[in-house]
Protein backbone atom coordinates (compact mmCIF):
# COMPACT_ATOMS: atom_id res chain seq x y z
CA MET A 1 -10.75 1.40 -8.82
CA GLY A 2 -11.66 5.04 -9.36
CA ALA A 3 -9.84 7.99 -10.78
CA ALA A 4 -6.93 9.62 -9.00
CA PRO A 5 -7.75 12.66 -6.85
CA VAL A 6 -8.20 15.85 -8.84
CA THR A 7 -5.44 18.31 -8.07
CA ASP A 8 -4.24 21.51 -9.73
CA HIS A 9 -1.06 20.46 -11.48
CA SER A 10 -0.67 23.69 -13.48
CA ALA A 11 2.74 24.65 -12.03
CA ALA A 12 4.08 21.16 -12.73
CA ARG A 13 2.60 21.15 -16.24
CA ASP A 14 4.23 24.50 -16.93
CA ALA A 15 7.65 23.30 -15.75
CA VAL A 16 7.45 20.13 -17.85
CA THR A 17 6.26 21.99 -20.94
CA ARG A 18 8.98 24.64 -20.64
CA LEU A 19 11.93 22.46 -19.74
CA THR A 20 11.55 19.02 -21.39
CA ARG A 21 14.14 18.30 -24.07
CA TRP A 22 12.93 16.07 -26.90
CA ALA A 23 15.34 13.73 -28.74
CA ASP A 24 14.09 12.18 -31.97
CA ASP A 25 15.28 8.71 -32.98
CA PHE A 26 16.63 7.89 -29.54
CA PRO A 27 17.41 5.26 -28.29
CA GLN A 28 16.62 3.92 -31.76
CA PRO A 29 15.07 5.18 -35.00
CA GLY A 30 11.38 6.00 -34.72
CA VAL A 31 11.39 6.59 -30.94
CA ARG A 32 10.96 10.12 -29.61
CA PHE A 33 12.61 10.35 -26.19
CA ALA A 34 11.40 12.82 -23.58
CA ASP A 35 14.43 13.93 -21.60
CA LEU A 36 13.17 15.30 -18.28
CA THR A 37 16.69 15.92 -16.96
CA PRO A 38 16.37 19.70 -17.48
CA VAL A 39 13.10 19.67 -15.52
CA PHE A 40 14.67 17.78 -12.63
CA SER A 41 17.73 20.04 -12.56
CA ASP A 42 15.52 23.11 -12.10
CA ALA A 43 14.88 23.42 -8.34
CA ASP A 44 11.42 24.93 -8.71
CA GLY A 45 10.46 22.52 -11.48
CA PHE A 46 11.56 19.51 -9.46
CA ARG A 47 9.73 20.75 -6.36
CA VAL A 48 6.39 21.34 -8.10
CA ILE A 49 6.59 17.95 -9.82
CA VAL A 50 7.30 16.10 -6.58
CA ASP A 51 4.49 18.02 -4.84
CA ALA A 52 2.04 17.14 -7.62
CA LEU A 53 2.99 13.45 -7.61
CA ALA A 54 2.73 13.29 -3.80
CA ALA A 55 -0.81 14.69 -4.02
CA CYS A 56 -1.88 11.64 -6.06
CA ALA A 57 -1.99 9.25 -3.10
CA PRO A 58 -1.36 10.97 0.23
CA GLU A 59 -2.23 7.83 2.21
CA THR A 60 0.33 5.51 0.63
CA ASP A 61 2.67 3.33 2.70
CA VAL A 62 5.40 2.82 0.09
CA ILE A 63 6.46 4.42 -3.17
CA ALA A 64 7.58 1.96 -5.87
CA ALA A 65 10.14 4.03 -7.80
CA VAL A 66 10.99 2.68 -11.25
CA ASP A 67 14.62 2.45 -12.45
CA ALA A 68 16.15 4.95 -13.08
CA ARG A 69 14.54 8.39 -13.34
CA GLY A 70 11.69 7.18 -11.14
CA PHE A 71 14.25 6.84 -8.33
CA LEU A 72 14.71 10.62 -8.30
CA LEU A 73 10.99 11.26 -8.21
CA GLY A 74 10.08 8.41 -5.88
CA GLY A 75 12.58 9.45 -3.23
CA GLY A 76 11.22 12.99 -3.20
CA VAL A 77 7.60 11.82 -3.09
CA ALA A 78 8.32 9.33 -0.29
CA ARG A 79 10.04 12.02 1.77
CA ASP A 80 7.12 14.42 1.27
CA LEU A 81 4.60 11.76 2.31
CA GLY A 82 6.64 10.25 5.14
CA SER A 83 6.40 6.87 3.42
CA GLY A 84 8.95 4.26 2.47
CA VAL A 85 10.40 3.83 -0.99
CA VAL A 86 11.40 0.70 -2.86
CA ALA A 87 13.67 0.89 -5.89
CA VAL A 88 12.29 -1.27 -8.70
CA ARG A 89 15.53 -2.27 -10.44
CA LYS A 90 16.50 -3.48 -13.87
CA SER A 91 17.48 -7.15 -14.00
CA GLY A 92 20.86 -8.12 -12.59
CA LYS A 93 21.29 -5.14 -10.25
CA LEU A 94 20.19 -6.88 -7.03
CA PRO A 95 21.61 -9.92 -5.24
CA PRO A 96 19.30 -12.95 -4.99
CA PRO A 97 16.71 -13.77 -3.95
CA VAL A 98 14.60 -11.44 -6.08
CA LEU A 99 11.09 -11.29 -7.48
CA SER A 100 11.13 -10.66 -11.24
CA GLN A 101 8.68 -9.48 -13.88
CA SER A 102 9.49 -9.42 -17.60
CA TYR A 103 7.72 -7.15 -20.08
CA THR A 104 7.88 -5.60 -23.53
CA LEU A 105 8.40 -1.93 -24.25
CA GLU A 106 8.31 0.15 -27.40
CA TYR A 107 11.86 -0.82 -28.39
CA GLY A 108 12.54 -4.27 -26.88
CA THR A 109 12.06 -6.39 -23.79
CA ALA A 110 13.24 -6.03 -20.21
CA THR A 111 12.92 -7.45 -16.70
CA LEU A 112 12.36 -5.63 -13.42
CA GLU A 113 13.25 -6.92 -9.95
CA ILE A 114 12.76 -6.20 -6.27
CA PRO A 115 14.22 -8.03 -3.27
CA ALA A 116 12.18 -11.11 -2.36
CA GLY A 117 10.76 -11.01 1.14
CA SER A 118 13.15 -8.53 2.73
CA ILE A 119 11.25 -5.30 2.05
CA GLY A 120 7.92 -6.15 3.71
CA LEU A 121 5.35 -5.15 1.08
CA ASP A 122 2.69 -7.64 2.17
CA GLY A 123 -0.60 -5.81 2.77
CA ARG A 124 0.86 -2.35 2.20
CA SER A 125 -0.54 0.32 -0.12
CA VAL A 126 1.84 1.31 -2.91
CA LEU A 127 1.97 4.25 -5.32
CA VAL A 128 4.01 3.47 -8.44
CA VAL A 129 6.03 6.50 -9.63
CA ASP A 130 7.94 6.99 -12.88
CA ASP A 131 8.83 9.75 -15.29
CA VAL A 132 7.12 8.72 -18.55
CA LEU A 133 4.18 6.54 -19.56
CA ALA A 134 4.71 5.28 -23.11
CA THR A 135 3.33 1.82 -23.98
CA GLY A 136 2.65 1.02 -20.33
CA GLY A 137 4.84 -2.09 -20.22
CA THR A 138 7.21 -0.86 -17.54
CA LEU A 139 4.46 0.46 -15.27
CA ASP A 140 2.28 -2.62 -15.75
CA ALA A 141 5.24 -4.86 -14.92
CA THR A 142 6.03 -2.77 -11.84
CA ALA A 143 2.45 -2.97 -10.59
CA ARG A 144 2.35 -6.75 -11.13
CA LEU A 145 5.74 -7.11 -9.45
CA VAL A 146 4.78 -5.30 -6.25
CA GLU A 147 1.44 -7.10 -6.21
CA SER A 148 3.32 -10.41 -6.40
CA ALA A 149 5.05 -9.31 -3.17
CA GLY A 150 1.63 -8.92 -1.52
CA ALA A 151 1.19 -5.16 -1.91
CA ARG A 152 -1.92 -3.32 -3.06
CA VAL A 153 -1.29 -0.81 -5.86
CA ILE A 154 -3.42 2.24 -5.07
CA GLY A 155 -2.27 4.30 -8.03
CA ILE A 156 0.28 5.08 -10.69
CA ALA A 157 1.69 8.59 -11.14
CA VAL A 158 3.89 9.85 -13.97
CA VAL A 159 5.23 13.18 -15.09
CA LEU A 160 4.61 12.76 -18.82
CA GLU A 161 2.24 10.54 -20.82
CA ILE A 162 2.71 9.92 -24.54
CA ALA A 163 -0.94 9.28 -25.45
CA ALA A 164 -0.33 7.99 -28.99
CA LEU A 165 1.42 4.90 -27.58
CA GLY A 166 -1.70 3.72 -25.70
CA GLY A 167 -0.15 2.95 -22.33
CA ARG A 168 -3.16 4.22 -20.38
CA GLU A 169 -5.33 1.41 -21.76
CA ARG A 170 -2.84 -1.19 -20.56
CA LEU A 171 -3.06 0.23 -17.01
CA GLY A 172 -6.85 0.48 -16.92
CA LYS A 173 -7.32 -1.26 -13.58
CA TYR A 174 -5.22 1.31 -11.68
CA PRO A 175 -5.95 4.96 -10.90
CA LEU A 176 -3.51 6.85 -13.13
CA THR A 177 -2.30 10.43 -12.92
CA SER A 178 -0.11 11.99 -15.59
CA LEU A 179 0.91 15.58 -15.02
CA VAL A 180 1.30 16.28 -18.76
CA THR A 181 -0.11 14.39 -21.73
CA VAL A 182 1.34 14.84 -25.21
């Protein structure tokens, strides 16, 4: 698959750079957490980020929004595109039957789930949306999860990429757009 469409993301980059709050040693020692809450609470910042993410795959059928901050972004992107949105949940938040995908992340392991069969992903094009790309485990698991439901992942879009953690390499088969790379 090729690269994501080239779009001017300068307004979104500016909002993220100005408003992101960094928390060292959270949620555990050695991890630097990018808190995008101040970006999302700024009306203009939120708008330009949603616009930029929506520009990544304007022909998508469904947005796969990753628990939890991805829900905020994914809902906005889906509304802008007139597409559906599926909430990719952390384990134990949905009633059975579910499809599950376990993965490792920079500070542990986790499992993601979506409803099995009831959301109609078979044959549909999906854009995966989340706030941060770190090691790539969460986004890789999300892509594999929606593919297991029969969908075709046409791209992954994030607000912030932490390049030193190498997540981009893990997602090499998917077009990837990050609005800001640090």
